[in-house]
Amino acid sequence: MNVRMIYKSNEDFSTAGKLIYTDLKKSGKSDFDFDLRRKDNTPFKAHVIITSPHQENPLESTIVTIVDISQREEAQKEKMKREKLQGVLEMAGAICHEINQPLQTILGYSTLLEDNEAISPEDLQKIKKQAIRIGDITRRLSNITRYKTLEYPGDTRIIDIWGSGAD
């Protein structure tokens, strides 16, 4: 088998060759992760272990083990995604708690003010409407189940609370 064919490019082949030879010469073992190609030319992430009992001339004989770690890599990415979502959920929970505290006070006092003639019923309804809106937002935040973002001014992204919750 032509060893060069398992590498994605000639540059990768050269880089790996130098790394492997240096490691084998120094310690008799080379251990690394690398992007390789299968016989059908599809790429995969591999963990490669190469050992040689002859440090003086490591290319005299070698034992090579190649393990496909593509699934492990995907699992790690998925784990990172879940951890990121967990952080978002914890932050959303804290925000909901903190916003709901003053919101309950606003709703309570606005209910008491309904009988006060100094405030028009329309103004009071505006207060209540906005307080209810805040309540809807906090409920939505507490129901986030997936991570979805929106573009936001200033080249940033924000969590789409209307698209990230359980429907």
Protein backbone atom coordinates (compact mmCIF):
# COMPACT_ATOMS: atom_id res chain seq x y z
CA MET A 1 0.00 0.00 0.00
CA ASN A 2 1.24 3.45 -0.85
CA VAL A 3 1.32 5.22 2.53
CA ARG A 4 1.02 8.62 0.88
CA MET A 5 -2.52 7.81 -0.28
CA ILE A 6 -3.97 7.80 3.25
CA TYR A 7 -3.05 11.44 3.80
CA LYS A 8 -5.34 14.24 2.66
CA SER A 9 -2.48 16.06 0.91
CA ASN A 10 1.23 15.82 0.13
CA GLU A 11 1.79 18.55 2.70
CA ASP A 12 0.07 16.44 5.39
CA PHE A 13 2.22 13.48 4.32
CA SER A 14 5.43 15.51 4.71
CA THR A 15 4.36 17.04 8.02
CA ALA A 16 3.40 13.66 9.47
CA GLY A 17 6.58 12.04 8.15
CA LYS A 18 8.82 14.59 9.86
CA LEU A 19 6.85 14.36 13.10
CA ILE A 20 6.88 10.56 13.10
CA TYR A 21 10.56 10.22 12.25
CA THR A 22 11.60 12.73 14.92
CA ASP A 23 9.48 11.01 17.59
CA LEU A 24 10.65 7.51 16.62
CA LYS A 25 14.30 8.57 16.65
CA LYS A 26 13.91 10.23 20.06
CA SER A 27 11.68 7.77 21.93
CA GLY A 28 10.83 4.85 19.67
CA LYS A 29 7.16 5.89 19.64
CA SER A 30 5.00 8.42 17.84
CA ASP A 31 1.43 9.06 18.95
CA PHE A 32 -0.83 11.67 17.32
CA ASP A 33 -4.23 12.53 15.84
CA PHE A 34 -4.37 13.26 12.15
CA ASP A 35 -6.84 13.65 9.29
CA LEU A 36 -6.48 10.67 6.95
CA ARG A 37 -8.33 9.18 3.97
CA ARG A 38 -9.99 5.80 3.56
CA LYS A 39 -9.57 3.65 0.44
CA ASP A 40 -12.74 5.21 -0.98
CA ASN A 41 -11.07 8.62 -0.46
CA THR A 42 -13.44 9.77 2.31
CA PRO A 43 -11.69 11.70 5.08
CA PHE A 44 -11.67 10.60 8.71
CA LYS A 45 -10.04 11.65 11.95
CA ALA A 46 -7.54 9.05 13.12
CA HIS A 47 -5.44 8.37 16.18
CA VAL A 48 -2.12 6.95 14.99
CA ILE A 49 0.40 5.10 17.14
CA ILE A 50 3.70 4.07 15.59
CA THR A 51 6.41 2.21 17.47
CA SER A 52 9.85 1.04 16.45
CA PRO A 53 12.24 -1.14 18.42
CA HIS A 54 15.18 0.41 16.51
CA GLN A 55 15.68 4.00 17.64
CA GLU A 56 18.94 4.30 15.69
CA ASN A 57 17.17 3.40 12.46
CA PRO A 58 13.44 3.68 13.20
CA LEU A 59 12.40 2.93 9.63
CA GLU A 60 14.00 -0.53 9.78
CA SER A 61 10.81 -1.89 11.32
CA THR A 62 7.69 -0.28 12.72
CA ILE A 63 4.34 -1.26 14.12
CA VAL A 64 1.52 1.07 13.13
CA THR A 65 -1.92 1.24 14.72
CA ILE A 66 -4.57 3.49 13.19
CA VAL A 67 -7.84 4.00 15.05
CA ASP A 68 -10.77 5.85 13.49
CA ILE A 69 -11.80 8.43 16.10
CA SER A 70 -14.41 10.23 13.98
CA GLN A 71 -17.28 9.14 16.22
CA ARG A 72 -15.37 10.13 19.34
CA GLU A 73 -14.70 13.56 17.84
CA GLU A 74 -18.39 13.98 17.00
CA ALA A 75 -19.36 12.88 20.51
CA GLN A 76 -16.98 15.47 21.97
CA LYS A 77 -18.48 18.19 19.77
CA GLU A 78 -21.97 17.15 20.84
CA LYS A 79 -20.90 17.19 24.49
CA MET A 80 -19.51 20.71 24.09
CA LYS A 81 -22.77 21.78 22.49
CA ARG A 82 -24.77 20.33 25.40
CA GLU A 83 -22.48 22.03 27.93
CA LYS A 84 -22.93 25.33 26.12
CA LEU A 85 -26.70 24.87 26.19
CA GLN A 86 -26.52 24.02 29.89
CA GLY A 87 -24.74 27.33 30.52
CA VAL A 88 -27.42 29.15 28.56
CA LEU A 89 -30.15 27.39 30.53
CA GLU A 90 -28.54 28.26 33.84
CA MET A 91 -28.17 31.90 32.80
CA ALA A 92 -31.76 32.00 31.58
CA GLY A 93 -32.95 30.57 34.89
CA ALA A 94 -31.05 33.19 36.85
CA ILE A 95 -32.38 35.99 34.64
CA CYS A 96 -35.94 34.69 34.99
CA HIS A 97 -35.64 34.60 38.76
CA GLU A 98 -34.19 38.10 39.00
CA ILE A 99 -36.71 39.65 36.59
CA ASN A 100 -39.70 37.92 38.16
CA GLN A 101 -38.99 39.41 41.60
CA PRO A 102 -39.61 43.07 40.66
CA LEU A 103 -42.23 42.00 38.12
CA GLN A 104 -44.40 40.54 40.88
CA THR A 105 -44.13 43.81 42.78
CA ILE A 106 -45.14 45.82 39.69
CA LEU A 107 -48.12 43.58 39.07
CA GLY A 108 -49.16 43.74 42.72
CA TYR A 109 -49.01 47.53 42.95
CA SER A 110 -50.67 48.02 39.56
CA THR A 111 -53.56 45.89 40.80
CA LEU A 112 -53.83 48.08 43.91
CA LEU A 113 -53.81 51.21 41.74
CA GLU A 114 -56.79 50.08 39.68
CA ASP A 115 -59.09 51.78 42.20
CA ASN A 116 -57.07 55.04 42.23
CA GLU A 117 -58.64 57.78 40.08
CA ALA A 118 -55.33 59.70 39.75
CA ILE A 119 -54.13 57.12 37.22
CA SER A 120 -56.15 56.58 34.08
CA PRO A 121 -57.31 53.03 33.40
CA GLU A 122 -55.49 53.18 30.04
CA ASP A 123 -52.16 54.03 31.69
CA LEU A 124 -52.67 51.30 34.23
CA GLN A 125 -53.40 48.82 31.45
CA LYS A 126 -50.15 49.85 29.72
CA ILE A 127 -48.23 49.08 32.93
CA LYS A 128 -49.95 45.73 33.33
CA LYS A 129 -49.50 44.86 29.65
CA GLN A 130 -45.75 45.45 29.84
CA ALA A 131 -45.44 43.55 33.12
CA ILE A 132 -47.30 40.63 31.55
CA ARG A 133 -44.98 40.85 28.54
CA ILE A 134 -41.96 40.59 30.84
CA GLY A 135 -43.59 37.56 32.44
CA ASP A 136 -44.05 35.97 29.01
CA ILE A 137 -40.38 36.58 28.24
CA THR A 138 -39.22 34.98 31.48
CA ARG A 139 -41.49 31.97 30.93
CA ARG A 140 -40.03 31.63 27.45
CA LEU A 141 -36.49 31.83 28.84
CA SER A 142 -37.22 29.14 31.39
CA ASN A 143 -38.49 26.84 28.61
CA ILE A 144 -35.38 26.97 26.40
CA THR A 145 -34.62 23.45 25.18
CA ARG A 146 -32.30 24.06 22.25
CA TYR A 147 -29.76 26.66 21.27
CA LYS A 148 -30.78 29.01 18.46
CA THR A 149 -29.39 32.48 17.85
CA LEU A 150 -30.26 35.59 15.85
CA GLU A 151 -28.05 38.25 14.35
CA TYR A 152 -27.96 41.37 16.48
CA PRO A 153 -26.57 44.85 15.76
CA GLY A 154 -22.86 45.25 16.36
CA ASP A 155 -21.75 41.99 14.70
CA THR A 156 -23.02 39.90 17.59
CA ARG A 157 -25.54 37.14 18.02
CA ILE A 158 -28.20 36.76 20.69
CA ILE A 159 -30.27 33.81 21.80
CA ASP A 160 -33.57 33.59 19.96
CA ILE A 161 -35.83 33.03 22.97
CA TRP A 162 -38.89 32.66 20.74
CA GLY A 163 -37.22 30.00 18.58
CA SER A 164 -35.27 28.15 21.27
CA GLY A 165 -38.05 26.97 23.56
CA ALA A 166 -40.21 23.91 23.63
CA ASP A 167 -43.17 24.48 21.37
